[in-house]
Amino acid sequence: MALRLEHVNYIYSPDTAFKKQALDDVNLEINDGEFIGLIGHTGSGKSTLIQHFNGLIRATSGAIYYNDKNIYDEKFSMKNLRAKIGLVFQYPEHQLFEVTVMKDVCFGPSNLGLSEEECQKRAKEALTMVGLKEKYWNKSPFELSGGQKRRAAIAGVIAMKPEMLILDEPTAGLDPKGRNDILDQIKKLHDESHMTVVLVSHSMEDVAKYVGRIIVMNHGKVLFDDTPKEVFKHYKTLESVGLAAPQVTYLMDMLKKDGFDVPDQVTTVEEAKSAILKCLGYDQKGSNADLHENICAGHSEEINTKEFKDIKEFKDTRDLENIKDSGGESND
């Protein structure tokens, strides 16, 4: 068990007229090797919570244990904790400051007292992990594109070789390709190194696609803590607290209500594709190529009523063909 929170409370501006309870009796366990999504509406306590994980904020009350040691004990080293739990803030490229990308990524490891040779080694490994090409390593970080800057900043944290990586909206402000590239690299890093990853995101599609567990915050409390399928089946409750399920979940719900034999709790486009094709008896080699492209394209955020109608019309056509083939007659 890597991190455990017991009855953690945090109050901003206590004993003043501006008093605000940001965390309210939070109890969590984060285990080694998990990939966790942390979601919640603005002001739900997400950012405050993750800043407790590595001791940047001290809880008003309650206890936090890292590898069964209370981080608030006098003898506990916060410096060591912050080396083990890396936190990438939203828009981390704003923290870039060195003259070259390589020097910037080396900055964290050098503060650990490592040799220049070891710092260079770690920086090269981290930059390779995040997919930033070698031709950019000796350039100024301010010459890079937005997505490249984001990769360089994340590499600076990875070079510290943390046991847990926390990312606060790592794809904010990026275009769809940049977003997918960053998240794919983070997923690859998790799979290859078994590093614990906590991803804070407002994108339900991203969370459903990448994580194995979702923690939902609402008014400083943990509302849900379960697998994506279990959490998103409560999409009505999520809507009531300013959140939602992935768009594909709504599409599948529409299909099921319209009489289609599709499963509940579908949260990704790939799952939906398989379910819809199976429902239609479609072997992916049929004549309706346009429909097949719509289902397989993976544009979960662009699923709309027209595509729903296309699917329904296609099924109606197939049903009619089946009736004729069996010698029956349609009522139309």
C-alpha atoms as a PDB file:
ATOM      1  CA  MET A   1       0.000   0.000   0.000  1.00  0.00           C
ATOM      2  CA  ALA A   2       1.597   3.288  -1.087  1.00  0.00           C
ATOM      3  CA  LEU A   3      -0.645   6.021   0.320  1.00  0.00           C
ATOM      4  CA  ARG A   4      -3.469   6.049   2.887  1.00  0.00           C
ATOM      5  CA  LEU A   5      -5.620   8.954   4.042  1.00  0.00           C
ATOM      6  CA  GLU A   6      -7.602   8.640   7.279  1.00  0.00           C
ATOM      7  CA  HIS A   7     -10.299  11.177   8.184  1.00  0.00           C
ATOM      8  CA  VAL A   8      -8.502  14.014   6.422  1.00  0.00           C
ATOM      9  CA  ASN A   9     -10.047  17.469   6.727  1.00  0.00           C
ATOM     10  CA  TYR A  10      -8.768  20.744   5.375  1.00  0.00           C
ATOM     11  CA  ILE A  11     -10.135  24.227   6.034  1.00  0.00           C
ATOM     12  CA  TYR A  12      -9.026  27.326   4.170  1.00  0.00           C
ATOM     13  CA  SER A  13      -8.840  30.530   6.291  1.00  0.00           C
ATOM     14  CA  PRO A  14      -9.999  28.942   9.556  1.00  0.00           C
ATOM     15  CA  ASP A  15     -11.334  31.223  12.285  1.00  0.00           C
ATOM     16  CA  THR A  16     -12.153  33.940   9.762  1.00  0.00           C
ATOM     17  CA  ALA A  17     -15.240  35.090   7.915  1.00  0.00           C
ATOM     18  CA  PHE A  18     -13.795  33.428   4.793  1.00  0.00           C
ATOM     19  CA  LYS A  19     -13.606  29.964   6.336  1.00  0.00           C
ATOM     20  CA  LYS A  20     -14.132  27.201   3.751  1.00  0.00           C
ATOM     21  CA  GLN A  21     -14.027  23.445   4.251  1.00  0.00           C
ATOM     22  CA  ALA A  22     -12.199  22.123   1.195  1.00  0.00           C
ATOM     23  CA  LEU A  23     -11.864  18.488   2.350  1.00  0.00           C
ATOM     24  CA  ASP A  24     -14.394  16.798   4.602  1.00  0.00           C
ATOM     25  CA  ASP A  25     -13.491  13.492   6.298  1.00  0.00           C
ATOM     26  CA  VAL A  26     -11.678  11.991   3.305  1.00  0.00           C
ATOM     27  CA  ASN A  27     -10.659   8.334   3.592  1.00  0.00           C
ATOM     28  CA  LEU A  28      -8.694   6.809   0.698  1.00  0.00           C
ATOM     29  CA  GLU A  29      -6.179   4.106  -0.081  1.00  0.00           C
ATOM     30  CA  ILE A  30      -3.987   4.305  -3.176  1.00  0.00           C
ATOM     31  CA  ASN A  31      -2.116   1.098  -3.910  1.00  0.00           C
ATOM     32  CA  ASP A  32       1.112   0.506  -5.793  1.00  0.00           C
ATOM     33  CA  GLY A  33       0.761   0.342  -9.584  1.00  0.00           C
ATOM     34  CA  GLU A  34      -2.780   1.745  -9.853  1.00  0.00           C
ATOM     35  CA  PHE A  35      -3.900   4.118 -12.606  1.00  0.00           C
ATOM     36  CA  ILE A  36      -6.520   6.349 -10.988  1.00  0.00           C
ATOM     37  CA  GLY A  37      -8.728   9.080 -12.417  1.00  0.00           C
ATOM     38  CA  LEU A  38      -9.737  11.914 -10.080  1.00  0.00           C
ATOM     39  CA  ILE A  39     -12.743  13.895 -11.252  1.00  0.00           C
ATOM     40  CA  GLY A  40     -15.065  16.516  -9.820  1.00  0.00           C
ATOM     41  CA  HIS A  41     -16.604  19.881 -10.635  1.00  0.00           C
ATOM     42  CA  THR A  42     -14.655  23.105 -10.108  1.00  0.00           C
ATOM     43  CA  GLY A  43     -14.276  23.663  -6.371  1.00  0.00           C
ATOM     44  CA  SER A  44     -14.905  20.016  -5.467  1.00  0.00           C
ATOM     45  CA  GLY A  45     -11.546  19.653  -3.695  1.00  0.00           C
ATOM     46  CA  LYS A  46      -9.509  17.801  -6.336  1.00  0.00           C
ATOM     47  CA  SER A  47      -6.481  20.099  -6.413  1.00  0.00           C
ATOM     48  CA  THR A  48      -6.495  20.541  -2.649  1.00  0.00           C
ATOM     49  CA  LEU A  49      -6.567  16.764  -2.226  1.00  0.00           C
ATOM     50  CA  ILE A  50      -3.603  16.004  -4.479  1.00  0.00           C
ATOM     51  CA  GLN A  51      -1.497  18.684  -2.778  1.00  0.00           C
ATOM     52  CA  HIS A  52      -1.950  16.717   0.442  1.00  0.00           C
ATOM     53  CA  PHE A  53      -0.480  13.612  -1.173  1.00  0.00           C
ATOM     54  CA  ASN A  54       3.088  14.930  -1.087  1.00  0.00           C
ATOM     55  CA  GLY A  55       2.725  17.277   1.847  1.00  0.00           C
ATOM     56  CA  LEU A  56       2.474  20.593  -0.002  1.00  0.00           C
ATOM     57  CA  ILE A  57      -0.596  21.289   2.136  1.00  0.00           C
ATOM     58  CA  ARG A  58      -0.884  20.045   5.729  1.00  0.00           C
ATOM     59  CA  ALA A  59      -4.258  18.622   6.744  1.00  0.00           C
ATOM     60  CA  THR A  60      -6.225  20.572   9.343  1.00  0.00           C
ATOM     61  CA  SER A  61      -6.971  17.216  10.973  1.00  0.00           C
ATOM     62  CA  GLY A  62      -6.586  13.547  10.140  1.00  0.00           C
ATOM     63  CA  ALA A  63      -3.565  11.479   9.130  1.00  0.00           C
ATOM     64  CA  ILE A  64      -1.769  10.542   5.910  1.00  0.00           C
ATOM     65  CA  TYR A  65       0.460   7.478   5.707  1.00  0.00           C
ATOM     66  CA  TYR A  66       3.055   6.747   3.030  1.00  0.00           C
ATOM     67  CA  ASN A  67       4.223   3.132   3.144  1.00  0.00           C
ATOM     68  CA  ASP A  68       2.635   2.922   6.616  1.00  0.00           C
ATOM     69  CA  LYS A  69       4.567   5.916   7.984  1.00  0.00           C
ATOM     70  CA  ASN A  70       2.706   9.016   9.129  1.00  0.00           C
ATOM     71  CA  ILE A  71       3.976  11.901   7.016  1.00  0.00           C
ATOM     72  CA  TYR A  72       3.202  14.332   9.857  1.00  0.00           C
ATOM     73  CA  ASP A  73       5.608  12.673  12.293  1.00  0.00           C
ATOM     74  CA  GLU A  74       8.445  15.009  13.251  1.00  0.00           C
ATOM     75  CA  LYS A  75      11.109  12.597  12.009  1.00  0.00           C
ATOM     76  CA  PHE A  76       9.444  11.999   8.644  1.00  0.00           C
ATOM     77  CA  SER A  77      11.345  13.542   5.696  1.00  0.00           C
ATOM     78  CA  MET A  78       9.086  15.652   3.487  1.00  0.00           C
ATOM     79  CA  LYS A  79      11.978  16.065   1.046  1.00  0.00           C
ATOM     80  CA  ASN A  80      12.117  12.305   0.505  1.00  0.00           C
ATOM     81  CA  LEU A  81       8.329  12.156   0.175  1.00  0.00           C
ATOM     82  CA  ARG A  82       8.333  14.786  -2.570  1.00  0.00           C
ATOM     83  CA  ALA A  83      11.042  12.879  -4.393  1.00  0.00           C
ATOM     84  CA  LYS A  84       8.833   9.765  -4.296  1.00  0.00           C
ATOM     85  CA  ILE A  85       5.529  11.474  -5.162  1.00  0.00           C
ATOM     86  CA  GLY A  86       5.877  13.676  -8.239  1.00  0.00           C
ATOM     87  CA  LEU A  87       3.232  16.339  -8.868  1.00  0.00           C
ATOM     88  CA  VAL A  88       2.739  17.890 -12.318  1.00  0.00           C
ATOM     89  CA  PHE A  89       0.648  21.034 -11.987  1.00  0.00           C
ATOM     90  CA  GLN A  90      -1.799  22.267 -14.591  1.00  0.00           C
ATOM     91  CA  TYR A  91       0.091  24.114 -17.367  1.00  0.00           C
ATOM     92  CA  PRO A  92       3.452  22.775 -16.120  1.00  0.00           C
ATOM     93  CA  GLU A  93       5.265  24.458 -19.039  1.00  0.00           C
ATOM     94  CA  HIS A  94       4.935  27.717 -17.087  1.00  0.00           C
ATOM     95  CA  GLN A  95       7.568  26.275 -14.742  1.00  0.00           C
ATOM     96  CA  LEU A  96      10.200  25.847 -17.484  1.00  0.00           C
ATOM     97  CA  PHE A  97      13.080  28.255 -16.951  1.00  0.00           C
ATOM     98  CA  GLU A  98      16.449  26.810 -18.029  1.00  0.00           C
ATOM     99  CA  VAL A  99      18.323  27.709 -21.217  1.00  0.00           C
ATOM    100  CA  THR A 100      17.906  24.236 -22.727  1.00  0.00           C
ATOM    101  CA  VAL A 101      15.394  21.430 -22.378  1.00  0.00           C
ATOM    102  CA  MET A 102      18.126  19.072 -21.139  1.00  0.00           C
ATOM    103  CA  LYS A 103      19.209  21.438 -18.351  1.00  0.00           C
ATOM    104  CA  ASP A 104      15.617  21.967 -17.310  1.00  0.00           C
ATOM    105  CA  VAL A 105      14.926  18.242 -17.003  1.00  0.00           C
ATOM    106  CA  CYS A 106      18.224  17.772 -15.112  1.00  0.00           C
ATOM    107  CA  PHE A 107      17.230  20.382 -12.511  1.00  0.00           C
ATOM    108  CA  GLY A 108      15.121  18.038 -10.352  1.00  0.00           C
ATOM    109  CA  PRO A 109      17.618  15.152 -10.203  1.00  0.00           C
ATOM    110  CA  SER A 110      20.452  17.584  -9.429  1.00  0.00           C
ATOM    111  CA  ASN A 111      18.535  18.712  -6.326  1.00  0.00           C
ATOM    112  CA  LEU A 112      18.634  15.115  -5.140  1.00  0.00           C
ATOM    113  CA  GLY A 113      22.398  15.397  -4.965  1.00  0.00           C
ATOM    114  CA  LEU A 114      23.042  13.138  -7.949  1.00  0.00           C
ATOM    115  CA  SER A 115      26.134  13.372 -10.128  1.00  0.00           C
ATOM    116  CA  GLU A 116      25.984  15.253 -13.416  1.00  0.00           C
ATOM    117  CA  GLU A 117      26.387  11.952 -15.258  1.00  0.00           C
ATOM    118  CA  GLU A 118      23.422  10.396 -13.441  1.00  0.00           C
ATOM    119  CA  CYS A 119      21.322  13.527 -13.977  1.00  0.00           C
ATOM    120  CA  GLN A 120      22.022  13.404 -17.720  1.00  0.00           C
ATOM    121  CA  LYS A 121      21.174   9.710 -17.825  1.00  0.00           C
ATOM    122  CA  ARG A 122      17.861  10.229 -16.048  1.00  0.00           C
ATOM    123  CA  ALA A 123      16.981  13.229 -18.209  1.00  0.00           C
ATOM    124  CA  LYS A 124      17.610  11.306 -21.426  1.00  0.00           C
ATOM    125  CA  GLU A 125      15.513   8.391 -20.202  1.00  0.00           C
ATOM    126  CA  ALA A 126      12.655  10.697 -19.162  1.00  0.00           C
ATOM    127  CA  LEU A 127      12.663  12.659 -22.418  1.00  0.00           C
ATOM    128  CA  THR A 128      12.604   9.421 -24.368  1.00  0.00           C
ATOM    129  CA  MET A 129       9.707   8.134 -22.238  1.00  0.00           C
ATOM    130  CA  VAL A 130       7.558  11.192 -22.976  1.00  0.00           C
ATOM    131  CA  GLY A 131       8.342  10.978 -26.688  1.00  0.00           C
ATOM    132  CA  LEU A 132      10.257  14.234 -27.110  1.00  0.00           C
ATOM    133  CA  LYS A 133      12.723  13.764 -29.963  1.00  0.00           C
ATOM    134  CA  GLU A 134      16.443  14.158 -29.340  1.00  0.00           C
ATOM    135  CA  LYS A 135      16.725  17.047 -31.794  1.00  0.00           C
ATOM    136  CA  TYR A 136      14.858  19.243 -29.274  1.00  0.00           C
ATOM    137  CA  TRP A 137      16.941  18.391 -26.199  1.00  0.00           C
ATOM    138  CA  ASN A 138      19.487  21.190 -26.622  1.00  0.00           C
ATOM    139  CA  LYS A 139      16.975  23.782 -27.766  1.00  0.00           C
ATOM    140  CA  SER A 140      15.487  26.440 -25.531  1.00  0.00           C
ATOM    141  CA  PRO A 141      12.234  25.120 -24.034  1.00  0.00           C
ATOM    142  CA  PHE A 142      10.598  28.358 -25.150  1.00  0.00           C
ATOM    143  CA  GLU A 143      11.156  27.434 -28.794  1.00  0.00           C
ATOM    144  CA  LEU A 144       8.972  24.340 -28.477  1.00  0.00           C
ATOM    145  CA  SER A 145       5.296  23.965 -29.325  1.00  0.00           C
ATOM    146  CA  GLY A 146       2.704  23.788 -26.570  1.00  0.00           C
ATOM    147  CA  GLY A 147       2.576  20.003 -26.618  1.00  0.00           C
ATOM    148  CA  GLN A 148       6.373  19.709 -26.684  1.00  0.00           C
ATOM    149  CA  LYS A 149       6.690  22.066 -23.714  1.00  0.00           C
ATOM    150  CA  ARG A 150       4.188  19.932 -21.837  1.00  0.00           C
ATOM    151  CA  ARG A 151       6.252  16.798 -22.550  1.00  0.00           C
ATOM    152  CA  ALA A 152       9.448  18.509 -21.400  1.00  0.00           C
ATOM    153  CA  ALA A 153       7.824  19.640 -18.147  1.00  0.00           C
ATOM    154  CA  ILE A 154       6.443  16.164 -17.428  1.00  0.00           C
ATOM    155  CA  ALA A 155       9.882  14.692 -18.196  1.00  0.00           C
ATOM    156  CA  GLY A 156      11.335  16.948 -15.497  1.00  0.00           C
ATOM    157  CA  VAL A 157       9.167  15.212 -12.913  1.00  0.00           C
ATOM    158  CA  ILE A 158       9.681  11.706 -14.334  1.00  0.00           C
ATOM    159  CA  ALA A 159      13.462  12.219 -14.177  1.00  0.00           C
ATOM    160  CA  MET A 160      13.111  12.283 -10.380  1.00  0.00           C
ATOM    161  CA  LYS A 161      11.976   8.643 -10.688  1.00  0.00           C
ATOM    162  CA  PRO A 162       8.936   9.018  -8.433  1.00  0.00           C
ATOM    163  CA  GLU A 163       6.992   5.992  -7.241  1.00  0.00           C
ATOM    164  CA  MET A 164       3.758   7.928  -7.772  1.00  0.00           C
ATOM    165  CA  LEU A 165       3.022  10.457 -10.515  1.00  0.00           C
ATOM    166  CA  ILE A 166       0.159  12.925 -10.038  1.00  0.00           C
ATOM    167  CA  LEU A 167      -0.965  14.939 -13.054  1.00  0.00           C
ATOM    168  CA  ASP A 168      -3.372  17.851 -12.662  1.00  0.00           C
ATOM    169  CA  GLU A 169      -5.126  18.336 -16.025  1.00  0.00           C
ATOM    170  CA  PRO A 170      -1.995  17.457 -18.063  1.00  0.00           C
ATOM    171  CA  THR A 171      -3.770  17.986 -21.407  1.00  0.00           C
ATOM    172  CA  ALA A 172      -5.455  21.322 -20.642  1.00  0.00           C
ATOM    173  CA  GLY A 173      -5.241  23.661 -23.617  1.00  0.00           C
ATOM    174  CA  LEU A 174      -3.880  21.057 -26.042  1.00  0.00           C
ATOM    175  CA  ASP A 175      -5.473  20.109 -29.360  1.00  0.00           C
ATOM    176  CA  PRO A 176      -6.986  16.587 -29.670  1.00  0.00           C
ATOM    177  CA  LYS A 177      -3.843  15.068 -31.190  1.00  0.00           C
ATOM    178  CA  GLY A 178      -1.600  16.634 -28.549  1.00  0.00           C
ATOM    179  CA  ARG A 179      -3.950  15.435 -25.834  1.00  0.00           C
ATOM    180  CA  ASN A 180      -3.993  11.869 -27.118  1.00  0.00           C
ATOM    181  CA  ASP A 181      -0.214  11.818 -27.568  1.00  0.00           C
ATOM    182  CA  ILE A 182       0.416  12.945 -23.981  1.00  0.00           C
ATOM    183  CA  LEU A 183      -2.079  10.486 -22.467  1.00  0.00           C
ATOM    184  CA  ASP A 184      -0.810   7.609 -24.608  1.00  0.00           C
ATOM    185  CA  GLN A 185       2.706   8.275 -23.346  1.00  0.00           C
ATOM    186  CA  ILE A 186       1.519   8.392 -19.736  1.00  0.00           C
ATOM    187  CA  LYS A 187      -0.329   5.101 -20.214  1.00  0.00           C
ATOM    188  CA  LYS A 188       2.785   3.556 -21.769  1.00  0.00           C
ATOM    189  CA  LEU A 189       4.891   4.801 -18.856  1.00  0.00           C
ATOM    190  CA  HIS A 190       2.447   3.270 -16.389  1.00  0.00           C
ATOM    191  CA  ASP A 191       2.321  -0.062 -18.204  1.00  0.00           C
ATOM    192  CA  GLU A 192       6.094  -0.359 -18.579  1.00  0.00           C
ATOM    193  CA  SER A 193       7.254   0.951 -15.195  1.00  0.00           C
ATOM    194  CA  HIS A 194       4.194   0.000 -13.073  1.00  0.00           C
ATOM    195  CA  MET A 195       4.325   3.489 -11.606  1.00  0.00           C
ATOM    196  CA  THR A 196       1.250   4.591  -9.665  1.00  0.00           C
ATOM    197  CA  VAL A 197      -0.507   7.335 -11.660  1.00  0.00           C
ATOM    198  CA  VAL A 198      -3.238   9.732 -10.504  1.00  0.00           C
ATOM    199  CA  LEU A 199      -4.818  11.662 -13.378  1.00  0.00           C
ATOM    200  CA  VAL A 200      -6.963  14.701 -12.598  1.00  0.00           C
ATOM    201  CA  SER A 201      -9.188  15.427 -15.580  1.00  0.00           C
ATOM    202  CA  HIS A 202     -12.446  17.016 -16.707  1.00  0.00           C
ATOM    203  CA  SER A 203     -12.634  14.734 -19.744  1.00  0.00           C
ATOM    204  CA  MET A 204     -14.829  11.741 -19.024  1.00  0.00           C
ATOM    205  CA  GLU A 205     -13.702  10.136 -22.295  1.00  0.00           C
ATOM    206  CA  ASP A 206     -10.051  10.292 -21.254  1.00  0.00           C
ATOM    207  CA  VAL A 207     -10.764   8.922 -17.801  1.00  0.00           C
ATOM    208  CA  ALA A 208     -12.877   6.056 -19.148  1.00  0.00           C
ATOM    209  CA  LYS A 209     -10.247   5.126 -21.724  1.00  0.00           C
ATOM    210  CA  TYR A 210      -7.122   5.134 -19.583  1.00  0.00           C
ATOM    211  CA  VAL A 211      -7.785   4.531 -15.889  1.00  0.00           C
ATOM    212  CA  GLY A 212      -8.766   1.462 -13.909  1.00  0.00           C
ATOM    213  CA  ARG A 213     -10.332   3.291 -10.965  1.00  0.00           C
ATOM    214  CA  ILE A 214     -12.195   6.574 -10.597  1.00  0.00           C
ATOM    215  CA  ILE A 215     -12.496   8.749  -7.503  1.00  0.00           C
ATOM    216  CA  VAL A 216     -15.260  11.355  -7.720  1.00  0.00           C
ATOM    217  CA  MET A 217     -15.047  14.393  -5.440  1.00  0.00           C
ATOM    218  CA  ASN A 218     -18.024  16.563  -4.534  1.00  0.00           C
ATOM    219  CA  HIS A 219     -17.948  19.406  -1.999  1.00  0.00           C
ATOM    220  CA  GLY A 220     -14.809  18.023  -0.396  1.00  0.00           C
ATOM    221  CA  LYS A 221     -16.166  14.497   0.024  1.00  0.00           C
ATOM    222  CA  VAL A 222     -15.584  11.272  -1.896  1.00  0.00           C
ATOM    223  CA  LEU A 223     -18.825  10.663  -3.801  1.00  0.00           C
ATOM    224  CA  PHE A 224     -17.763   7.520  -5.705  1.00  0.00           C
ATOM    225  CA  ASP A 225     -14.671   5.341  -5.665  1.00  0.00           C
ATOM    226  CA  ASP A 226     -14.912   2.409  -8.084  1.00  0.00           C
ATOM    227  CA  THR A 227     -14.179   1.124 -11.580  1.00  0.00           C
ATOM    228  CA  PRO A 228     -15.174   3.342 -14.553  1.00  0.00           C
ATOM    229  CA  LYS A 229     -18.094   1.058 -15.444  1.00  0.00           C
ATOM    230  CA  GLU A 230     -19.514   1.161 -11.922  1.00  0.00           C
ATOM    231  CA  VAL A 231     -19.049   4.922 -11.561  1.00  0.00           C
ATOM    232  CA  PHE A 232     -20.493   5.907 -14.947  1.00  0.00           C
ATOM    233  CA  LYS A 233     -23.613   3.797 -14.525  1.00  0.00           C
ATOM    234  CA  HIS A 234     -24.577   6.480 -11.975  1.00  0.00           C
ATOM    235  CA  TYR A 235     -24.520   9.139 -14.702  1.00  0.00           C
ATOM    236  CA  LYS A 236     -27.725  10.742 -13.443  1.00  0.00           C
ATOM    237  CA  THR A 237     -26.094  11.370 -10.075  1.00  0.00           C
ATOM    238  CA  LEU A 238     -22.960  12.644 -11.815  1.00  0.00           C
ATOM    239  CA  GLU A 239     -25.083  15.078 -13.809  1.00  0.00           C
ATOM    240  CA  SER A 240     -26.608  16.391 -10.596  1.00  0.00           C
ATOM    241  CA  VAL A 241     -23.144  17.393  -9.351  1.00  0.00           C
ATOM    242  CA  GLY A 242     -22.023  19.063 -12.585  1.00  0.00           C
ATOM    243  CA  LEU A 243     -20.355  16.057 -14.220  1.00  0.00           C
ATOM    244  CA  ALA A 244     -21.384  13.547 -16.881  1.00  0.00           C
ATOM    245  CA  ALA A 245     -20.600  10.156 -18.364  1.00  0.00           C
ATOM    246  CA  PRO A 246     -18.664   9.681 -21.619  1.00  0.00           C
ATOM    247  CA  GLN A 247     -20.746  10.594 -24.680  1.00  0.00           C
ATOM    248  CA  VAL A 248     -20.674   7.006 -25.898  1.00  0.00           C
ATOM    249  CA  THR A 249     -22.422   5.902 -22.686  1.00  0.00           C
ATOM    250  CA  TYR A 250     -25.376   8.137 -23.547  1.00  0.00           C
ATOM    251  CA  LEU A 251     -25.460   6.780 -27.103  1.00  0.00           C
ATOM    252  CA  MET A 252     -25.608   3.194 -25.844  1.00  0.00           C
ATOM    253  CA  ASP A 253     -28.354   4.134 -23.406  1.00  0.00           C
ATOM    254  CA  MET A 254     -30.365   5.633 -26.299  1.00  0.00           C
ATOM    255  CA  LEU A 255     -29.917   2.452 -28.323  1.00  0.00           C
ATOM    256  CA  LYS A 256     -30.963   0.218 -25.443  1.00  0.00           C
ATOM    257  CA  LYS A 257     -34.091   2.292 -24.772  1.00  0.00           C
ATOM    258  CA  ASP A 258     -34.937   2.028 -28.481  1.00  0.00           C
ATOM    259  CA  GLY A 259     -34.950  -1.765 -28.262  1.00  0.00           C
ATOM    260  CA  PHE A 260     -31.434  -2.650 -29.334  1.00  0.00           C
ATOM    261  CA  ASP A 261     -29.823  -5.631 -27.650  1.00  0.00           C
ATOM    262  CA  VAL A 262     -26.708  -3.832 -26.402  1.00  0.00           C
ATOM    263  CA  PRO A 263     -25.037  -4.141 -22.989  1.00  0.00           C
ATOM    264  CA  ASP A 264     -25.191  -1.650 -20.137  1.00  0.00           C
ATOM    265  CA  GLN A 265     -22.134   0.145 -18.738  1.00  0.00           C
ATOM    266  CA  VAL A 266     -20.311   0.747 -22.016  1.00  0.00           C
ATOM    267  CA  THR A 267     -17.762   3.526 -21.458  1.00  0.00           C
ATOM    268  CA  THR A 268     -15.354   3.473 -24.426  1.00  0.00           C
ATOM    269  CA  VAL A 269     -15.737   3.720 -28.186  1.00  0.00           C
ATOM    270  CA  GLU A 270     -14.046   0.361 -28.730  1.00  0.00           C
ATOM    271  CA  GLU A 271     -16.562  -1.363 -26.446  1.00  0.00           C
ATOM    272  CA  ALA A 272     -19.438   0.412 -28.174  1.00  0.00           C
ATOM    273  CA  LYS A 273     -18.135  -0.520 -31.619  1.00  0.00           C
ATOM    274  CA  SER A 274     -17.983  -4.206 -30.755  1.00  0.00           C
ATOM    275  CA  ALA A 275     -21.416  -4.167 -29.102  1.00  0.00           C
ATOM    276  CA  ILE A 276     -23.137  -2.340 -31.977  1.00  0.00           C
ATOM    277  CA  LEU A 277     -21.605  -4.519 -34.689  1.00  0.00           C
ATOM    278  CA  LYS A 278     -22.577  -7.641 -32.758  1.00  0.00           C
ATOM    279  CA  CYS A 279     -26.118  -6.345 -32.274  1.00  0.00           C
ATOM    280  CA  LEU A 280     -26.466  -5.642 -35.995  1.00  0.00           C
ATOM    281  CA  GLY A 281     -24.970  -8.965 -37.006  1.00  0.00           C
ATOM    282  CA  TYR A 282     -22.427  -6.940 -38.936  1.00  0.00           C
ATOM    283  CA  ASP A 283     -19.176  -8.721 -39.793  1.00  0.00           C
ATOM    284  CA  GLN A 284     -17.262  -5.493 -40.568  1.00  0.00           C
ATOM    285  CA  LYS A 285     -17.121  -6.515 -44.247  1.00  0.00           C
ATOM    286  CA  GLY A 286     -20.617  -5.478 -45.261  1.00  0.00           C
ATOM    287  CA  SER A 287     -21.599  -2.907 -47.850  1.00  0.00           C
ATOM    288  CA  ASN A 288     -22.417  -0.043 -45.481  1.00  0.00           C
ATOM    289  CA  ALA A 289     -18.861   1.281 -45.254  1.00  0.00           C
ATOM    290  CA  ASP A 290     -19.921   4.760 -44.094  1.00  0.00           C
ATOM    291  CA  LEU A 291     -21.681   3.361 -41.042  1.00  0.00           C
ATOM    292  CA  HIS A 292     -18.734   1.135 -40.274  1.00  0.00           C
ATOM    293  CA  GLU A 293     -16.409   4.156 -40.412  1.00  0.00           C
ATOM    294  CA  ASN A 294     -18.710   6.114 -38.073  1.00  0.00           C
ATOM    295  CA  ILE A 295     -18.681   3.333 -35.520  1.00  0.00           C
ATOM    296  CA  CYS A 296     -14.953   2.619 -35.756  1.00  0.00           C
ATOM    297  CA  ALA A 297     -13.609   6.158 -36.065  1.00  0.00           C
ATOM    298  CA  GLY A 298     -13.146   6.595 -32.321  1.00  0.00           C
ATOM    299  CA  HIS A 299     -14.555  10.138 -32.225  1.00  0.00           C
ATOM    300  CA  SER A 300     -16.455   9.617 -28.997  1.00  0.00           C
ATOM    301  CA  GLU A 301     -16.886  13.340 -28.407  1.00  0.00           C
ATOM    302  CA  GLU A 302     -18.566  13.780 -31.793  1.00  0.00           C
ATOM    303  CA  ILE A 303     -21.246  11.078 -31.551  1.00  0.00           C
ATOM    304  CA  ASN A 304     -24.543  12.748 -32.333  1.00  0.00           C
ATOM    305  CA  THR A 305     -28.185  12.122 -33.137  1.00  0.00           C
ATOM    306  CA  LYS A 306     -27.487  11.708 -36.879  1.00  0.00           C
ATOM    307  CA  GLU A 307     -25.168   8.764 -36.233  1.00  0.00           C
ATOM    308  CA  PHE A 308     -27.782   7.277 -33.897  1.00  0.00           C
ATOM    309  CA  LYS A 309     -30.369   7.541 -36.699  1.00  0.00           C
ATOM    310  CA  ASP A 310     -27.914   6.004 -39.183  1.00  0.00           C
ATOM    311  CA  ILE A 311     -27.480   2.999 -36.914  1.00  0.00           C
ATOM    312  CA  LYS A 312     -31.238   2.655 -36.380  1.00  0.00           C
ATOM    313  CA  GLU A 313     -32.005   2.921 -40.111  1.00  0.00           C
ATOM    314  CA  PHE A 314     -29.342   0.341 -40.895  1.00  0.00           C
ATOM    315  CA  LYS A 315     -30.842  -2.103 -38.381  1.00  0.00           C
ATOM    316  CA  ASP A 316     -34.349  -1.503 -39.728  1.00  0.00           C
ATOM    317  CA  THR A 317     -33.047  -2.315 -43.226  1.00  0.00           C
ATOM    318  CA  ARG A 318     -31.352  -5.490 -42.034  1.00  0.00           C
ATOM    319  CA  ASP A 319     -34.536  -6.567 -40.206  1.00  0.00           C
ATOM    320  CA  LEU A 320     -36.551  -6.075 -43.411  1.00  0.00           C
ATOM    321  CA  GLU A 321     -34.033  -8.079 -45.408  1.00  0.00           C
ATOM    322  CA  ASN A 322     -34.202 -10.891 -42.865  1.00  0.00           C
ATOM    323  CA  ILE A 323     -38.020 -10.979 -43.128  1.00  0.00           C
ATOM    324  CA  LYS A 324     -37.865 -11.205 -46.938  1.00  0.00           C
ATOM    325  CA  ASP A 325     -35.178 -13.872 -46.838  1.00  0.00           C
ATOM    326  CA  SER A 326     -37.325 -15.995 -44.536  1.00  0.00           C
ATOM    327  CA  GLY A 327     -40.342 -15.709 -46.829  1.00  0.00           C
ATOM    328  CA  GLY A 328     -42.270 -13.469 -44.458  1.00  0.00           C
ATOM    329  CA  GLU A 329     -43.890 -10.110 -45.190  1.00  0.00           C
ATOM    330  CA  SER A 330     -43.400  -6.738 -43.717  1.00  0.00           C
ATOM    331  CA  ASN A 331     -46.300  -4.778 -42.276  1.00  0.00           C
ATOM    332  CA  ASP A 332     -45.140  -1.659 -44.184  1.00  0.00           C
END
